[in-house]
Amino acid sequence: MKLGLPYWILTLFSLVIFIGTAGAHPHELGEMDHGQSLESYQIE
């Protein structure tokens, strides 16, 4: 049952990216338009 370390690294990395994206855009989940977010980053 040894899946290998790269498999777990890829899984954890994908999970972190998914959670981070969902947390940053809870109202735009599933959309690829991040223009408004880029503006907010520049303002801060």
N, C-alpha and C. Protein backbone atom coordinates (compact mmCIF):
# COMPACT_ATOMS: atom_id res chain seq x y z
N MET A 1 0.83 -1.21 0.00
CA MET A 1 0.00 0.00 0.00
C MET A 1 0.86 1.25 0.00
N LYS A 2 2.02 1.18 -0.59
CA LYS A 2 2.93 2.32 -0.62
C LYS A 2 2.66 3.14 -1.88
N LEU A 3 2.10 4.34 -1.69
CA LEU A 3 1.75 5.18 -2.84
C LEU A 3 2.91 6.05 -3.27
N GLY A 4 3.83 6.31 -2.37
CA GLY A 4 4.98 7.14 -2.74
C GLY A 4 4.84 8.55 -2.21
N LEU A 5 5.96 9.15 -1.86
CA LEU A 5 5.97 10.50 -1.30
C LEU A 5 5.50 11.56 -2.31
N PRO A 6 5.91 11.51 -3.57
CA PRO A 6 5.45 12.52 -4.55
C PRO A 6 3.93 12.57 -4.66
N TYR A 7 3.28 11.42 -4.52
CA TYR A 7 1.81 11.39 -4.61
C TYR A 7 1.19 12.20 -3.47
N TRP A 8 1.71 12.02 -2.27
CA TRP A 8 1.16 12.74 -1.12
C TRP A 8 1.48 14.23 -1.20
N ILE A 9 2.66 14.57 -1.68
CA ILE A 9 3.03 15.98 -1.83
C ILE A 9 2.09 16.66 -2.83
N LEU A 10 1.82 15.98 -3.94
CA LEU A 10 0.93 16.55 -4.95
C LEU A 10 -0.48 16.69 -4.41
N THR A 11 -0.94 15.70 -3.64
CA THR A 11 -2.28 15.74 -3.07
C THR A 11 -2.42 16.89 -2.08
N LEU A 12 -1.45 17.02 -1.18
CA LEU A 12 -1.50 18.09 -0.18
C LEU A 12 -1.40 19.46 -0.85
N PHE A 13 -0.54 19.57 -1.86
CA PHE A 13 -0.37 20.84 -2.56
C PHE A 13 -1.67 21.25 -3.24
N SER A 14 -2.32 20.29 -3.91
CA SER A 14 -3.59 20.58 -4.59
C SER A 14 -4.66 20.98 -3.57
N LEU A 15 -4.67 20.31 -2.43
CA LEU A 15 -5.67 20.60 -1.41
C LEU A 15 -5.47 22.01 -0.85
N VAL A 16 -4.22 22.38 -0.60
CA VAL A 16 -3.92 23.73 -0.09
C VAL A 16 -4.34 24.79 -1.10
N ILE A 17 -4.05 24.55 -2.39
CA ILE A 17 -4.43 25.51 -3.43
C ILE A 17 -5.95 25.63 -3.50
N PHE A 18 -6.65 24.49 -3.40
CA PHE A 18 -8.12 24.51 -3.48
C PHE A 18 -8.71 25.29 -2.30
N ILE A 19 -8.22 25.01 -1.10
CA ILE A 19 -8.73 25.69 0.10
C ILE A 19 -8.39 27.18 0.05
N GLY A 20 -7.19 27.50 -0.39
CA GLY A 20 -6.78 28.90 -0.48
C GLY A 20 -7.62 29.67 -1.48
N THR A 21 -7.90 29.04 -2.63
CA THR A 21 -8.71 29.70 -3.65
C THR A 21 -10.15 29.86 -3.18
N ALA A 22 -10.70 28.83 -2.56
CA ALA A 22 -12.08 28.89 -2.08
C ALA A 22 -12.21 29.92 -0.96
N GLY A 23 -11.19 30.03 -0.11
CA GLY A 23 -11.23 30.99 0.99
C GLY A 23 -11.10 32.42 0.50
N ALA A 24 -10.33 32.62 -0.58
CA ALA A 24 -10.12 33.96 -1.10
C ALA A 24 -11.30 34.42 -1.94
N HIS A 25 -12.03 33.47 -2.53
CA HIS A 25 -13.15 33.81 -3.40
C HIS A 25 -14.37 32.96 -3.08
N PRO A 26 -14.94 33.13 -1.90
CA PRO A 26 -16.09 32.29 -1.52
C PRO A 26 -17.32 32.57 -2.36
N HIS A 27 -17.40 33.77 -2.96
CA HIS A 27 -18.57 34.13 -3.75
C HIS A 27 -18.33 33.88 -5.24
N GLU A 28 -17.10 33.51 -5.61
CA GLU A 28 -16.78 33.28 -7.01
C GLU A 28 -16.23 31.87 -7.22
N LEU A 29 -16.69 30.93 -6.41
CA LEU A 29 -16.19 29.56 -6.50
C LEU A 29 -16.55 28.97 -7.86
N GLY A 30 -15.55 28.50 -8.59
CA GLY A 30 -15.78 27.90 -9.89
C GLY A 30 -15.56 28.87 -11.03
N GLU A 31 -15.33 30.15 -10.72
CA GLU A 31 -15.09 31.13 -11.78
C GLU A 31 -13.60 31.46 -11.85
N MET A 32 -13.13 31.79 -13.05
CA MET A 32 -11.71 32.05 -13.24
C MET A 32 -11.41 33.54 -13.31
N ASP A 33 -12.41 34.39 -13.11
CA ASP A 33 -12.20 35.83 -13.21
C ASP A 33 -11.69 36.38 -11.89
N HIS A 34 -10.41 36.80 -11.87
CA HIS A 34 -9.81 37.29 -10.64
C HIS A 34 -9.40 38.77 -10.78
N GLY A 35 -10.01 39.48 -11.71
CA GLY A 35 -9.64 40.87 -11.94
C GLY A 35 -9.89 41.73 -10.70
N GLN A 36 -11.04 41.55 -10.06
CA GLN A 36 -11.37 42.35 -8.88
C GLN A 36 -10.38 42.07 -7.75
N SER A 37 -9.96 40.82 -7.62
CA SER A 37 -9.03 40.46 -6.56
C SER A 37 -7.68 41.11 -6.80
N LEU A 38 -7.25 41.17 -8.06
CA LEU A 38 -5.97 41.80 -8.37
C LEU A 38 -6.01 43.28 -8.01
N GLU A 39 -7.15 43.92 -8.22
CA GLU A 39 -7.28 45.33 -7.86
C GLU A 39 -7.17 45.51 -6.35
N SER A 40 -7.82 44.63 -5.59
CA SER A 40 -7.78 44.75 -4.13
C SER A 40 -6.36 44.53 -3.62
N TYR A 41 -5.60 43.65 -4.28
CA TYR A 41 -4.21 43.43 -3.86
C TYR A 41 -3.37 44.69 -4.09
N GLN A 42 -3.63 45.39 -5.19
CA GLN A 42 -2.86 46.59 -5.49
C GLN A 42 -3.20 47.72 -4.52
N ILE A 43 -4.46 47.79 -4.08
CA ILE A 43 -4.88 48.85 -3.17
C ILE A 43 -4.24 48.66 -1.80
N GLU A 44 -4.18 47.42 -1.32
CA GLU A 44 -3.66 47.15 0.02
C GLU A 44 -2.17 47.37 0.11
